[in-house]
Structures are given as structure tokens and as C-alpha cells.
Amino acid sequence: MGNKQARALSRPKDRAVQAVCDRFELSVSYAPPSLRLTLRTDLPARTRVELEITRLFLEQGGQHWYWTMLELAAPVAPLGDGTMGLTLEYSVDELDAKGLASYRSLKRSMGLRMAAAPSVETRIALNAPAREHQFGLCNRGLSGLAVRIDPSRHYLEQEATIALPLSAAAMAKLDIAS
């Protein structure tokens, strides 16, 4: 088998899947003790979106690190009002427990030590599609007003920030350097 044939076999095949997305709207609200996220979109059903929720914390050496509270991929589905999207709700205690676990992993592997409590400002990011070639090669079959186009790919992205207080349970378990 020659190089040209091997290269052709290893590349993803361009699928004829096309999608138009003119709407990709994220709304975030906090009503103690829960954070509620709602995405409204016109993407096809079962298109997976990636969600990431993070805070920043300051390490003793002066560097900022991410306190990753949640990373997941979820499919969009019909909402009750006839649009597509997804609605997720998490308690701040649950998110901070996951963030504490990610911090402990960093602390164990890299020897980090917090200089101050994690920020109250929380970043929520949604990206779609989660699969690399869902709408053809590099998602070039994805078009519409909400689509961002780079030379290497087509994608959707939405970010929001919200002030979430650090849960008392997580604060009690932190070993902040003084």
C-alpha cells in the first residue's frame, strides 16, 4: 500500500451531513443553592455539546490555576417550548465538591498549595459539536449565523460568568496557606 492510499484510508470521510445553526443561546441563573443552565439552539437532536464550569485560584507561587467544577458532554433534545436545547441544574455544594477533587489531584501530582480561596467569579463555557467530524470533515457542513469559522474547523461557542459563593463545605476542607 502506498503512502497516498494509506493517508486516504486514515482520514475521516467527508459525510454529507449538513446543519444550519442560527441560534445558540446560553442563559445562566443562580438561586441558592442551585445553578441552572439553559441552552436554546436550532441544532439537530442528539448533537452533543461540551460543558465546562471553572473558577480560578491563586497558587503560592503566584500562578493562577483552574478549579474545574464540571466537564461533561450532553446531547441537545427537544425542550418543552418546541425548541431544541438542554437544561441542567447543579447544587453549588456538588460543583465545589468536584472542584475540590480536581484541586486535590493537582496538589498531589504537582505539589500546588492555594494562597487564597478560589474566585467567586465562575466561568461557564459551552462548545458544539463535541465530536470532531459530526458535520463532515472538520465540521465544515455546519453553517449559520451562530457558527464560528476558523481555517481548521467550524464550531459553536458560548460563555457566561456568574458570581457563585464558595460552598461552606468546600471552604472548610481547603488548606489555604497564610
Foldseek 3Di string as FASTA:
>chain_A
DDPVVVVVVPADFFDQFAWEKAAWDWDWDDDPFKIKIKTFIQTDWFQKKWKWKWWWFAWPVGDIDTLTQDIDIDTWDQDPVGTIIDMDMDTLVNSLVSSLVVVVVCCVPPVTATQDDTAQKMKMKMKDRPDCAPNTHQNPSYHYNQWDDDVRHIMHMDMDIDGHDHDPVSVVPHDHDD
